[in-house]
Amino acid sequence: MPLLIIYGVPDENDDKLIYLMESLKHAIINIQELKLKNDDISFFFPKNILHDKLGKEIIIFVEGLLDKPERTEDVRKSLALEIARTTYIVFGDSKLVECFIHPFKKENGFHSLKKDG
C-alpha cells in the first residue's frame, strides 16, 4: 500500500487538502500497471514549521510501493510525473514540486494488520 508523505503544503485549508488527496488518488488509480484501488493509498501531511515557505516548495515521498514486475522504471517515472503534475495543478503558485518514489520489497520486512469497516 503506497503512502504519500507530502511536505510543504499550507494546512489552513482542509478543503484544498481533501481535493489534493482525491485528485492524487484519481491520478494514481489511472495508472493501470499499479493495480491500485482508492483504499490502497494513504496520505500524511507532516506539520510544517517554516510557514513562510508553505506552498512555495512541495516535496512528496512515496513510500511502501511494493516492488512488482509490472511496476517498471517507466511506470514509476509515470507515477512520479502524475503526482507532481497533479500537485502543481492544485497548488499552482508553487515554485517547486518534487516527487520521489521509493519502491519496497516485502522480503525486507513487511506486515499489515487491517480491520474491515
PDB file of N, CA and C in Angstrom:
ATOM      1  N   MET A   1       0.842  -1.175   0.000  1.00  0.00           N
ATOM      2  CA  MET A   1       0.000   0.000   0.000  1.00  0.00           C
ATOM      3  C   MET A   1       0.890   1.241   0.000  1.00  0.00           C
ATOM      4  N   PRO A   2       0.816   2.065  -1.034  1.00  0.00           N
ATOM      5  CA  PRO A   2       1.660   3.254  -1.057  1.00  0.00           C
ATOM      6  C   PRO A   2       1.198   4.314  -0.065  1.00  0.00           C
ATOM      7  N   LEU A   3       2.169   4.988   0.483  1.00  0.00           N
ATOM      8  CA  LEU A   3       1.944   6.069   1.425  1.00  0.00           C
ATOM      9  C   LEU A   3       2.578   7.314   0.843  1.00  0.00           C
ATOM     10  N   LEU A   4       1.788   8.360   0.661  1.00  0.00           N
ATOM     11  CA  LEU A   4       2.315   9.638   0.180  1.00  0.00           C
ATOM     12  C   LEU A   4       2.516  10.551   1.377  1.00  0.00           C
ATOM     13  N   ILE A   5       3.762  10.957   1.576  1.00  0.00           N
ATOM     14  CA  ILE A   5       4.104  11.902   2.634  1.00  0.00           C
ATOM     15  C   ILE A   5       4.396  13.215   1.923  1.00  0.00           C
ATOM     16  N   ILE A   6       3.567  14.217   2.204  1.00  0.00           N
ATOM     17  CA  ILE A   6       3.618  15.463   1.444  1.00  0.00           C
ATOM     18  C   ILE A   6       4.023  16.608   2.370  1.00  0.00           C
ATOM     19  N   TYR A   7       5.183  17.175   2.075  1.00  0.00           N
ATOM     20  CA  TYR A   7       5.720  18.283   2.856  1.00  0.00           C
ATOM     21  C   TYR A   7       5.512  19.597   2.111  1.00  0.00           C
ATOM     22  N   GLY A   8       5.221  20.647   2.862  1.00  0.00           N
ATOM     23  CA  GLY A   8       5.229  21.990   2.300  1.00  0.00           C
ATOM     24  C   GLY A   8       3.889  22.538   1.867  1.00  0.00           C
ATOM     25  N   VAL A   9       2.821  21.768   2.026  1.00  0.00           N
ATOM     26  CA  VAL A   9       1.513  22.304   1.626  1.00  0.00           C
ATOM     27  C   VAL A   9       0.925  23.114   2.780  1.00  0.00           C
ATOM     28  N   PRO A  10       0.295  24.238   2.464  1.00  0.00           N
ATOM     29  CA  PRO A  10      -0.382  25.005   3.514  1.00  0.00           C
ATOM     30  C   PRO A  10      -1.476  24.147   4.148  1.00  0.00           C
ATOM     31  N   ASP A  11      -1.574  24.197   5.468  1.00  0.00           N
ATOM     32  CA  ASP A  11      -2.535  23.334   6.150  1.00  0.00           C
ATOM     33  C   ASP A  11      -3.748  24.078   6.710  1.00  0.00           C
ATOM     34  N   GLU A  12      -3.943  25.319   6.279  1.00  0.00           N
ATOM     35  CA  GLU A  12      -5.081  26.072   6.809  1.00  0.00           C
ATOM     36  C   GLU A  12      -6.367  25.839   6.018  1.00  0.00           C
ATOM     37  N   ASN A  13      -6.286  25.118   4.897  1.00  0.00           N
ATOM     38  CA  ASN A  13      -7.453  24.906   4.055  1.00  0.00           C
ATOM     39  C   ASN A  13      -7.698  23.412   3.873  1.00  0.00           C
ATOM     40  N   ASP A  14      -8.532  22.830   4.759  1.00  0.00           N
ATOM     41  CA  ASP A  14      -8.808  21.402   4.701  1.00  0.00           C
ATOM     42  C   ASP A  14      -9.462  20.996   3.386  1.00  0.00           C
ATOM     43  N   ASP A  15     -10.316  21.839   2.830  1.00  0.00           N
ATOM     44  CA  ASP A  15     -10.982  21.510   1.569  1.00  0.00           C
ATOM     45  C   ASP A  15      -9.965  21.330   0.441  1.00  0.00           C
ATOM     46  N   LYS A  16      -8.931  22.161   0.437  1.00  0.00           N
ATOM     47  CA  LYS A  16      -7.914  22.059  -0.607  1.00  0.00           C
ATOM     48  C   LYS A  16      -7.088  20.779  -0.432  1.00  0.00           C
ATOM     49  N   LEU A  17      -6.801  20.404   0.817  1.00  0.00           N
ATOM     50  CA  LEU A  17      -6.064  19.164   1.068  1.00  0.00           C
ATOM     51  C   LEU A  17      -6.895  17.948   0.668  1.00  0.00           C
ATOM     52  N   ILE A  18      -8.178  17.979   0.956  1.00  0.00           N
ATOM     53  CA  ILE A  18      -9.071  16.886   0.546  1.00  0.00           C
ATOM     54  C   ILE A  18      -9.131  16.809  -0.972  1.00  0.00           C
ATOM     55  N   TYR A  19      -9.222  17.958  -1.624  1.00  0.00           N
ATOM     56  CA  TYR A  19      -9.229  17.992  -3.091  1.00  0.00           C
ATOM     57  C   TYR A  19      -7.921  17.428  -3.645  1.00  0.00           C
ATOM     58  N   LEU A  20      -6.788  17.787  -3.021  1.00  0.00           N
ATOM     59  CA  LEU A  20      -5.496  17.256  -3.448  1.00  0.00           C
ATOM     60  C   LEU A  20      -5.473  15.739  -3.301  1.00  0.00           C
ATOM     61  N   MET A  21      -5.911  15.225  -2.168  1.00  0.00           N
ATOM     62  CA  MET A  21      -5.910  13.777  -1.948  1.00  0.00           C
ATOM     63  C   MET A  21      -6.781  13.058  -2.976  1.00  0.00           C
ATOM     64  N   GLU A  22      -7.977  13.575  -3.221  1.00  0.00           N
ATOM     65  CA  GLU A  22      -8.872  12.941  -4.193  1.00  0.00           C
ATOM     66  C   GLU A  22      -8.299  13.010  -5.605  1.00  0.00           C
ATOM     67  N   SER A  23      -7.691  14.135  -5.950  1.00  0.00           N
ATOM     68  CA  SER A  23      -7.079  14.291  -7.272  1.00  0.00           C
ATOM     69  C   SER A  23      -5.893  13.339  -7.440  1.00  0.00           C
ATOM     70  N   LEU A  24      -5.090  13.201  -6.398  1.00  0.00           N
ATOM     71  CA  LEU A  24      -3.945  12.298  -6.458  1.00  0.00           C
ATOM     72  C   LEU A  24      -4.401  10.841  -6.538  1.00  0.00           C
ATOM     73  N   LYS A  25      -5.407  10.478  -5.764  1.00  0.00           N
ATOM     74  CA  LYS A  25      -5.935   9.107  -5.844  1.00  0.00           C
ATOM     75  C   LYS A  25      -6.390   8.802  -7.261  1.00  0.00           C
ATOM     76  N   HIS A  26      -7.113   9.719  -7.861  1.00  0.00           N
ATOM     77  CA  HIS A  26      -7.608   9.531  -9.228  1.00  0.00           C
ATOM     78  C   HIS A  26      -6.441   9.354 -10.205  1.00  0.00           C
ATOM     79  N   ALA A  27      -5.427  10.199 -10.090  1.00  0.00           N
ATOM     80  CA  ALA A  27      -4.274  10.125 -10.994  1.00  0.00           C
ATOM     81  C   ALA A  27      -3.522   8.804 -10.820  1.00  0.00           C
ATOM     82  N   ILE A  28      -3.376   8.358  -9.575  1.00  0.00           N
ATOM     83  CA  ILE A  28      -2.640   7.121  -9.293  1.00  0.00           C
ATOM     84  C   ILE A  28      -3.411   5.902  -9.784  1.00  0.00           C
ATOM     85  N   ILE A  29      -4.696   5.873  -9.516  1.00  0.00           N
ATOM     86  CA  ILE A  29      -5.524   4.736  -9.922  1.00  0.00           C
ATOM     87  C   ILE A  29      -5.569   4.604 -11.439  1.00  0.00           C
ATOM     88  N   ASN A  30      -5.461   5.712 -12.152  1.00  0.00           N
ATOM     89  CA  ASN A  30      -5.493   5.685 -13.621  1.00  0.00           C
ATOM     90  C   ASN A  30      -4.240   5.064 -14.234  1.00  0.00           C
ATOM     91  N   ILE A  31      -3.206   4.853 -13.444  1.00  0.00           N
ATOM     92  CA  ILE A  31      -2.025   4.148 -13.955  1.00  0.00           C
ATOM     93  C   ILE A  31      -2.303   2.656 -13.771  1.00  0.00           C
ATOM     94  N   GLN A  32      -2.771   2.026 -14.829  1.00  0.00           N
ATOM     95  CA  GLN A  32      -3.275   0.658 -14.794  1.00  0.00           C
ATOM     96  C   GLN A  32      -2.277  -0.351 -14.224  1.00  0.00           C
ATOM     97  N   GLU A  33      -0.999  -0.198 -14.551  1.00  0.00           N
ATOM     98  CA  GLU A  33       0.014  -1.169 -14.133  1.00  0.00           C
ATOM     99  C   GLU A  33       0.175  -1.251 -12.616  1.00  0.00           C
ATOM    100  N   LEU A  34      -0.237  -0.222 -11.911  1.00  0.00           N
ATOM    101  CA  LEU A  34      -0.106  -0.223 -10.456  1.00  0.00           C
ATOM    102  C   LEU A  34      -1.134  -1.133  -9.792  1.00  0.00           C
ATOM    103  N   LYS A  35      -2.272  -1.317 -10.460  1.00  0.00           N
ATOM    104  CA  LYS A  35      -3.356  -2.168  -9.938  1.00  0.00           C
ATOM    105  C   LYS A  35      -3.734  -1.774  -8.508  1.00  0.00           C
ATOM    106  N   LEU A  36      -3.982  -0.477  -8.322  1.00  0.00           N
ATOM    107  CA  LEU A  36      -4.345   0.045  -7.001  1.00  0.00           C
ATOM    108  C   LEU A  36      -5.785   0.516  -6.991  1.00  0.00           C
ATOM    109  N   LYS A  37      -6.388   0.473  -5.792  1.00  0.00           N
ATOM    110  CA  LYS A  37      -7.735   0.987  -5.570  1.00  0.00           C
ATOM    111  C   LYS A  37      -7.646   2.162  -4.594  1.00  0.00           C
ATOM    112  N   ASN A  38      -8.741   2.904  -4.483  1.00  0.00           N
ATOM    113  CA  ASN A  38      -8.822   4.056  -3.574  1.00  0.00           C
ATOM    114  C   ASN A  38      -8.309   3.741  -2.175  1.00  0.00           C
ATOM    115  N   ASP A  39      -8.764   2.633  -1.620  1.00  0.00           N
ATOM    116  CA  ASP A  39      -8.431   2.281  -0.235  1.00  0.00           C
ATOM    117  C   ASP A  39      -6.985   1.840  -0.051  1.00  0.00           C
ATOM    118  N   ASP A  40      -6.261   1.663  -1.145  1.00  0.00           N
ATOM    119  CA  ASP A  40      -4.870   1.217  -1.061  1.00  0.00           C
ATOM    120  C   ASP A  40      -3.895   2.363  -0.809  1.00  0.00           C
ATOM    121  N   ILE A  41      -4.363   3.594  -0.925  1.00  0.00           N
ATOM    122  CA  ILE A  41      -3.468   4.754  -0.901  1.00  0.00           C
ATOM    123  C   ILE A  41      -3.679   5.556   0.384  1.00  0.00           C
ATOM    124  N   SER A  42      -2.578   5.848   1.079  1.00  0.00           N
ATOM    125  CA  SER A  42      -2.639   6.636   2.314  1.00  0.00           C
ATOM    126  C   SER A  42      -1.870   7.941   2.145  1.00  0.00           C
ATOM    127  N   PHE A  43      -2.260   8.934   2.929  1.00  0.00           N
ATOM    128  CA  PHE A  43      -1.642  10.261   2.875  1.00  0.00           C
ATOM    129  C   PHE A  43      -1.286  10.735   4.278  1.00  0.00           C
ATOM    130  N   PHE A  44      -0.151  11.412   4.375  1.00  0.00           N
ATOM    131  CA  PHE A  44       0.221  12.107   5.595  1.00  0.00           C
ATOM    132  C   PHE A  44       0.777  13.472   5.215  1.00  0.00           C
ATOM    133  N   PHE A  45       0.388  14.469   5.982  1.00  0.00           N
ATOM    134  CA  PHE A  45       0.845  15.843   5.787  1.00  0.00           C
ATOM    135  C   PHE A  45       1.536  16.278   7.077  1.00  0.00           C
ATOM    136  N   PRO A  46       2.850  16.038   7.194  1.00  0.00           N
ATOM    137  CA  PRO A  46       3.550  16.436   8.420  1.00  0.00           C
ATOM    138  C   PRO A  46       3.426  17.937   8.670  1.00  0.00           C
ATOM    139  N   LYS A  47       3.354  18.289   9.930  1.00  0.00           N
ATOM    140  CA  LYS A  47       3.270  19.686  10.335  1.00  0.00           C
ATOM    141  C   LYS A  47       4.515  20.431   9.893  1.00  0.00           C
ATOM    142  N   ASN A  48       4.318  21.575   9.301  1.00  0.00           N
ATOM    143  CA  ASN A  48       5.430  22.396   8.816  1.00  0.00           C
ATOM    144  C   ASN A  48       5.665  23.557   9.770  1.00  0.00           C
ATOM    145  N   ILE A  49       6.931  23.831  10.048  1.00  0.00           N
ATOM    146  CA  ILE A  49       7.235  24.951  10.942  1.00  0.00           C
ATOM    147  C   ILE A  49       7.736  26.172  10.170  1.00  0.00           C
ATOM    148  N   LEU A  50       8.072  26.018   8.913  1.00  0.00           N
ATOM    149  CA  LEU A  50       8.549  27.145   8.100  1.00  0.00           C
ATOM    150  C   LEU A  50       7.374  27.727   7.321  1.00  0.00           C
ATOM    151  N   HIS A  51       6.524  28.455   8.011  1.00  0.00           N
ATOM    152  CA  HIS A  51       5.282  28.949   7.419  1.00  0.00           C
ATOM    153  C   HIS A  51       5.487  29.863   6.220  1.00  0.00           C
ATOM    154  N   ASP A  52       6.607  30.559   6.148  1.00  0.00           N
ATOM    155  CA  ASP A  52       6.821  31.481   5.033  1.00  0.00           C
ATOM    156  C   ASP A  52       7.074  30.741   3.714  1.00  0.00           C
ATOM    157  N   LYS A  53       7.426  29.455   3.768  1.00  0.00           N
ATOM    158  CA  LYS A  53       7.690  28.677   2.543  1.00  0.00           C
ATOM    159  C   LYS A  53       6.522  27.773   2.163  1.00  0.00           C
ATOM    160  N   LEU A  54       5.488  27.700   2.984  1.00  0.00           N
ATOM    161  CA  LEU A  54       4.382  26.794   2.696  1.00  0.00           C
ATOM    162  C   LEU A  54       3.752  27.121   1.349  1.00  0.00           C
ATOM    163  N   GLY A  55       3.617  26.093   0.544  1.00  0.00           N
ATOM    164  CA  GLY A  55       3.027  26.253  -0.771  1.00  0.00           C
ATOM    165  C   GLY A  55       4.021  26.653  -1.842  1.00  0.00           C
ATOM    166  N   LYS A  56       5.191  27.099  -1.453  1.00  0.00           N
ATOM    167  CA  LYS A  56       6.210  27.512  -2.433  1.00  0.00           C
ATOM    168  C   LYS A  56       7.036  26.322  -2.915  1.00  0.00           C
ATOM    169  N   GLU A  57       7.410  25.458  -1.973  1.00  0.00           N
ATOM    170  CA  GLU A  57       8.155  24.240  -2.289  1.00  0.00           C
ATOM    171  C   GLU A  57       7.399  23.067  -1.688  1.00  0.00           C
ATOM    172  N   ILE A  58       6.989  22.138  -2.535  1.00  0.00           N
ATOM    173  CA  ILE A  58       6.249  20.968  -2.082  1.00  0.00           C
ATOM    174  C   ILE A  58       7.056  19.737  -2.478  1.00  0.00           C
ATOM    175  N   ILE A  59       7.370  18.917  -1.484  1.00  0.00           N
ATOM    176  CA  ILE A  59       8.159  17.714  -1.713  1.00  0.00           C
ATOM    177  C   ILE A  59       7.307  16.516  -1.291  1.00  0.00           C
ATOM    178  N   ILE A  60       7.239  15.520  -2.170  1.00  0.00           N
ATOM    179  CA  ILE A  60       6.395  14.344  -1.939  1.00  0.00           C
ATOM    180  C   ILE A  60       7.265  13.094  -1.976  1.00  0.00           C
ATOM    181  N   PHE A  61       7.129  12.279  -0.945  1.00  0.00           N
ATOM    182  CA  PHE A  61       7.793  10.979  -0.902  1.00  0.00           C
ATOM    183  C   PHE A  61       6.712   9.901  -0.980  1.00  0.00           C
ATOM    184  N   VAL A  62       6.904   8.961  -1.894  1.00  0.00           N
ATOM    185  CA  VAL A  62       6.004   7.807  -1.984  1.00  0.00           C
ATOM    186  C   VAL A  62       6.763   6.631  -1.398  1.00  0.00           C
ATOM    187  N   GLU A  63       6.276   6.172  -0.266  1.00  0.00           N
ATOM    188  CA  GLU A  63       6.895   5.055   0.457  1.00  0.00           C
ATOM    189  C   GLU A  63       5.973   3.839   0.367  1.00  0.00           C
ATOM    190  N   GLY A  64       6.552   2.668   0.509  1.00  0.00           N
ATOM    191  CA  GLY A  64       5.750   1.457   0.625  1.00  0.00           C
ATOM    192  C   GLY A  64       5.112   0.981  -0.668  1.00  0.00           C
ATOM    193  N   LEU A  65       5.563   1.469  -1.801  1.00  0.00           N
ATOM    194  CA  LEU A  65       5.048   0.962  -3.070  1.00  0.00           C
ATOM    195  C   LEU A  65       5.711  -0.383  -3.316  1.00  0.00           C
ATOM    196  N   LEU A  66       4.942  -1.443  -3.153  1.00  0.00           N
ATOM    197  CA  LEU A  66       5.506  -2.779  -3.269  1.00  0.00           C
ATOM    198  C   LEU A  66       6.120  -2.995  -4.641  1.00  0.00           C
ATOM    199  N   ASP A  67       7.311  -3.554  -4.637  1.00  0.00           N
ATOM    200  CA  ASP A  67       8.044  -3.831  -5.864  1.00  0.00           C
ATOM    201  C   ASP A  67       7.434  -5.056  -6.537  1.00  0.00           C
ATOM    202  N   LYS A  68       6.924  -4.864  -7.756  1.00  0.00           N
ATOM    203  CA  LYS A  68       6.321  -5.944  -8.538  1.00  0.00           C
ATOM    204  C   LYS A  68       6.837  -5.838  -9.965  1.00  0.00           C
ATOM    205  N   PRO A  69       6.882  -6.951 -10.696  1.00  0.00           N
ATOM    206  CA  PRO A  69       7.423  -6.926 -12.064  1.00  0.00           C
ATOM    207  C   PRO A  69       6.751  -5.904 -12.979  1.00  0.00           C
ATOM    208  N   GLU A  70       5.442  -5.705 -12.838  1.00  0.00           N
ATOM    209  CA  GLU A  70       4.734  -4.767 -13.718  1.00  0.00           C
ATOM    210  C   GLU A  70       4.965  -3.299 -13.330  1.00  0.00           C
ATOM    211  N   ARG A  71       5.561  -3.070 -12.192  1.00  0.00           N
ATOM    212  CA  ARG A  71       5.868  -1.707 -11.754  1.00  0.00           C
ATOM    213  C   ARG A  71       7.295  -1.363 -12.170  1.00  0.00           C
ATOM    214  N   THR A  72       7.451  -1.232 -13.451  1.00  0.00           N
ATOM    215  CA  THR A  72       8.763  -0.998 -14.062  1.00  0.00           C
ATOM    216  C   THR A  72       9.270   0.408 -13.767  1.00  0.00           C
ATOM    217  N   GLU A  73      10.484   0.664 -14.197  1.00  0.00           N
ATOM    218  CA  GLU A  73      11.063   2.003 -14.058  1.00  0.00           C
ATOM    219  C   GLU A  73      10.186   3.032 -14.764  1.00  0.00           C
ATOM    220  N   ASP A  74       9.690   2.700 -15.958  1.00  0.00           N
ATOM    221  CA  ASP A  74       8.828   3.632 -16.698  1.00  0.00           C
ATOM    222  C   ASP A  74       7.520   3.894 -15.961  1.00  0.00           C
ATOM    223  N   VAL A  75       6.961   2.867 -15.338  1.00  0.00           N
ATOM    224  CA  VAL A  75       5.720   3.041 -14.577  1.00  0.00           C
ATOM    225  C   VAL A  75       5.973   3.932 -13.365  1.00  0.00           C
ATOM    226  N   ARG A  76       7.087   3.724 -12.673  1.00  0.00           N
ATOM    227  CA  ARG A  76       7.416   4.564 -11.515  1.00  0.00           C
ATOM    228  C   ARG A  76       7.681   6.007 -11.934  1.00  0.00           C
ATOM    229  N   LYS A  77       8.342   6.202 -13.085  1.00  0.00           N
ATOM    230  CA  LYS A  77       8.553   7.562 -13.599  1.00  0.00           C
ATOM    231  C   LYS A  77       7.226   8.226 -13.936  1.00  0.00           C
ATOM    232  N   SER A  78       6.321   7.461 -14.536  1.00  0.00           N
ATOM    233  CA  SER A  78       4.993   7.981 -14.857  1.00  0.00           C
ATOM    234  C   SER A  78       4.237   8.355 -13.584  1.00  0.00           C
ATOM    235  N   LEU A  79       4.353   7.525 -12.558  1.00  0.00           N
ATOM    236  CA  LEU A  79       3.715   7.811 -11.273  1.00  0.00           C
ATOM    237  C   LEU A  79       4.261   9.106 -10.680  1.00  0.00           C
ATOM    238  N   ALA A  80       5.578   9.258 -10.665  1.00  0.00           N
ATOM    239  CA  ALA A  80       6.190  10.485 -10.125  1.00  0.00           C
ATOM    240  C   ALA A  80       5.717  11.709 -10.899  1.00  0.00           C
ATOM    241  N   LEU A  81       5.669  11.601 -12.220  1.00  0.00           N
ATOM    242  CA  LEU A  81       5.222  12.711 -13.056  1.00  0.00           C
ATOM    243  C   LEU A  81       3.772  13.078 -12.749  1.00  0.00           C
ATOM    244  N   GLU A  82       2.893  12.091 -12.669  1.00  0.00           N
ATOM    245  CA  GLU A  82       1.471  12.362 -12.418  1.00  0.00           C
ATOM    246  C   GLU A  82       1.243  12.962 -11.034  1.00  0.00           C
ATOM    247  N   ILE A  83       1.966  12.477 -10.047  1.00  0.00           N
ATOM    248  CA  ILE A  83       1.834  13.028  -8.694  1.00  0.00           C
ATOM    249  C   ILE A  83       2.313  14.477  -8.668  1.00  0.00           C
ATOM    250  N   ALA A  84       3.470  14.746  -9.255  1.00  0.00           N
ATOM    251  CA  ALA A  84       3.997  16.119  -9.282  1.00  0.00           C
ATOM    252  C   ALA A  84       3.079  17.037 -10.077  1.00  0.00           C
ATOM    253  N   ARG A  85       2.627  16.583 -11.233  1.00  0.00           N
ATOM    254  CA  ARG A  85       1.759  17.407 -12.081  1.00  0.00           C
ATOM    255  C   ARG A  85       0.428  17.719 -11.382  1.00  0.00           C
ATOM    256  N   THR A  86      -0.172  16.707 -10.786  1.00  0.00           N
ATOM    257  CA  THR A  86      -1.451  16.908 -10.102  1.00  0.00           C
ATOM    258  C   THR A  86      -1.296  17.884  -8.940  1.00  0.00           C
ATOM    259  N   THR A  87      -0.228  17.728  -8.170  1.00  0.00           N
ATOM    260  CA  THR A  87       0.018  18.626  -7.041  1.00  0.00           C
ATOM    261  C   THR A  87       0.260  20.050  -7.531  1.00  0.00           C
ATOM    262  N   TYR A  88       1.000  20.187  -8.621  1.00  0.00           N
ATOM    263  CA  TYR A  88       1.280  21.509  -9.187  1.00  0.00           C
ATOM    264  C   TYR A  88       0.000  22.184  -9.672  1.00  0.00           C
ATOM    265  N   ILE A  89      -0.920  21.408 -10.225  1.00  0.00           N
ATOM    266  CA  ILE A  89      -2.199  21.977 -10.678  1.00  0.00           C
ATOM    267  C   ILE A  89      -2.997  22.497  -9.480  1.00  0.00           C
ATOM    268  N   VAL A  90      -3.036  21.720  -8.406  1.00  0.00           N
ATOM    269  CA  VAL A  90      -3.806  22.127  -7.217  1.00  0.00           C
ATOM    270  C   VAL A  90      -3.141  23.317  -6.522  1.00  0.00           C
ATOM    271  N   PHE A  91      -1.818  23.320  -6.454  1.00  0.00           N
ATOM    272  CA  PHE A  91      -1.079  24.412  -5.820  1.00  0.00           C
ATOM    273  C   PHE A  91      -0.270  25.134  -6.896  1.00  0.00           C
ATOM    274  N   GLY A  92      -0.950  25.832  -7.778  1.00  0.00           N
ATOM    275  CA  GLY A  92      -0.344  26.470  -8.942  1.00  0.00           C
ATOM    276  C   GLY A  92       0.630  27.590  -8.638  1.00  0.00           C
ATOM    277  N   ASP A  93       0.638  28.104  -7.418  1.00  0.00           N
ATOM    278  CA  ASP A  93       1.581  29.161  -7.063  1.00  0.00           C
ATOM    279  C   ASP A  93       2.935  28.608  -6.630  1.00  0.00           C
ATOM    280  N   SER A  94       3.059  27.287  -6.570  1.00  0.00           N
ATOM    281  CA  SER A  94       4.308  26.662  -6.130  1.00  0.00           C
ATOM    282  C   SER A  94       5.423  26.923  -7.122  1.00  0.00           C
ATOM    283  N   LYS A  95       6.607  27.146  -6.580  1.00  0.00           N
ATOM    284  CA  LYS A  95       7.786  27.329  -7.426  1.00  0.00           C
ATOM    285  C   LYS A  95       8.468  25.997  -7.687  1.00  0.00           C
ATOM    286  N   LEU A  96       8.234  25.026  -6.821  1.00  0.00           N
ATOM    287  CA  LEU A  96       8.888  23.731  -6.947  1.00  0.00           C
ATOM    288  C   LEU A  96       7.974  22.637  -6.414  1.00  0.00           C
ATOM    289  N   VAL A  97       7.781  21.585  -7.199  1.00  0.00           N
ATOM    290  CA  VAL A  97       7.098  20.375  -6.742  1.00  0.00           C
ATOM    291  C   VAL A  97       7.975  19.206  -7.162  1.00  0.00           C
ATOM    292  N   GLU A  98       8.392  18.406  -6.187  1.00  0.00           N
ATOM    293  CA  GLU A  98       9.211  17.238  -6.472  1.00  0.00           C
ATOM    294  C   GLU A  98       8.575  16.004  -5.876  1.00  0.00           C
ATOM    295  N   CYS A  99       8.745  14.874  -6.571  1.00  0.00           N
ATOM    296  CA  CYS A  99       8.201  13.612  -6.101  1.00  0.00           C
ATOM    297  C   CYS A  99       9.276  12.540  -6.188  1.00  0.00           C
ATOM    298  N   PHE A 100       9.458  11.817  -5.087  1.00  0.00           N
ATOM    299  CA  PHE A 100      10.437  10.738  -5.003  1.00  0.00           C
ATOM    300  C   PHE A 100       9.702   9.422  -4.744  1.00  0.00           C
ATOM    301  N   ILE A 101       9.928   8.437  -5.600  1.00  0.00           N
ATOM    302  CA  ILE A 101       9.296   7.132  -5.458  1.00  0.00           C
ATOM    303  C   ILE A 101      10.304   6.176  -4.822  1.00  0.00           C
ATOM    304  N   HIS A 102       9.919   5.553  -3.712  1.00  0.00           N
ATOM    305  CA  HIS A 102      10.766   4.568  -3.046  1.00  0.00           C
ATOM    306  C   HIS A 102      10.069   3.209  -3.103  1.00  0.00           C
ATOM    307  N   PRO A 103      10.424   2.362  -4.087  1.00  0.00           N
ATOM    308  CA  PRO A 103       9.813   1.033  -4.136  1.00  0.00           C
ATOM    309  C   PRO A 103      10.216   0.224  -2.902  1.00  0.00           C
ATOM    310  N   PHE A 104       9.390  -0.736  -2.544  1.00  0.00           N
ATOM    311  CA  PHE A 104       9.607  -1.507  -1.328  1.00  0.00           C
ATOM    312  C   PHE A 104       9.464  -2.991  -1.633  1.00  0.00           C
ATOM    313  N   LYS A 105      10.358  -3.799  -1.095  1.00  0.00           N
ATOM    314  CA  LYS A 105      10.293  -5.250  -1.254  1.00  0.00           C
ATOM    315  C   LYS A 105       9.781  -5.860   0.041  1.00  0.00           C
ATOM    316  N   LYS A 106       8.748  -6.691  -0.057  1.00  0.00           N
ATOM    317  CA  LYS A 106       8.185  -7.350   1.120  1.00  0.00           C
ATOM    318  C   LYS A 106       9.236  -8.160   1.872  1.00  0.00           C
ATOM    319  N   GLU A 107      10.162  -8.720   1.114  1.00  0.00           N
ATOM    320  CA  GLU A 107      11.198  -9.565   1.718  1.00  0.00           C
ATOM    321  C   GLU A 107      12.051  -8.807   2.725  1.00  0.00           C
ATOM    322  N   ASN A 108      12.087  -7.483   2.622  1.00  0.00           N
ATOM    323  CA  ASN A 108      12.875  -6.671   3.547  1.00  0.00           C
ATOM    324  C   ASN A 108      12.184  -6.482   4.888  1.00  0.00           C
ATOM    325  N   GLY A 109      10.970  -6.975   4.998  1.00  0.00           N
ATOM    326  CA  GLY A 109      10.215  -6.865   6.241  1.00  0.00           C
ATOM    327  C   GLY A 109       8.932  -6.096   6.039  1.00  0.00           C
ATOM    328  N   PHE A 110       7.822  -6.774   6.153  1.00  0.00           N
ATOM    329  CA  PHE A 110       6.522  -6.126   5.968  1.00  0.00           C
ATOM    330  C   PHE A 110       5.447  -6.967   6.621  1.00  0.00           C
ATOM    331  N   HIS A 111       4.517  -6.310   7.262  1.00  0.00           N
ATOM    332  CA  HIS A 111       3.313  -6.961   7.768  1.00  0.00           C
ATOM    333  C   HIS A 111       2.236  -5.889   7.867  1.00  0.00           C
ATOM    334  N   SER A 112       1.005  -6.281   7.631  1.00  0.00           N
ATOM    335  CA  SER A 112      -0.108  -5.332   7.697  1.00  0.00           C
ATOM    336  C   SER A 112      -1.239  -5.930   8.499  1.00  0.00           C
ATOM    337  N   LEU A 113      -1.781  -5.155   9.401  1.00  0.00           N
ATOM    338  CA  LEU A 113      -2.985  -5.525  10.150  1.00  0.00           C
ATOM    339  C   LEU A 113      -4.063  -4.534   9.790  1.00  0.00           C
ATOM    340  N   LYS A 114      -5.228  -5.037   9.381  1.00  0.00           N
ATOM    341  CA  LYS A 114      -6.282  -4.145   8.915  1.00  0.00           C
ATOM    342  C   LYS A 114      -7.636  -4.655   9.370  1.00  0.00           C
ATOM    343  N   LYS A 115      -8.428  -3.765   9.938  1.00  0.00           N
ATOM    344  CA  LYS A 115      -9.803  -4.096  10.309  1.00  0.00           C
ATOM    345  C   LYS A 115     -10.726  -3.726   9.164  1.00  0.00           C
ATOM    346  N   ASP A 116     -11.715  -4.540   8.920  1.00  0.00           N
ATOM    347  CA  ASP A 116     -12.725  -4.200   7.914  1.00  0.00           C
ATOM    348  C   ASP A 116     -13.671  -3.158   8.495  1.00  0.00           C
ATOM    349  N   GLY A 117     -14.050  -2.213   7.605  1.00  0.00           N
ATOM    350  CA  GLY A 117     -15.033  -1.215   8.016  1.00  0.00           C
ATOM    351  C   GLY A 117     -14.487   0.000   8.507  1.00  0.00           C
TER     352      GLY A 117
END
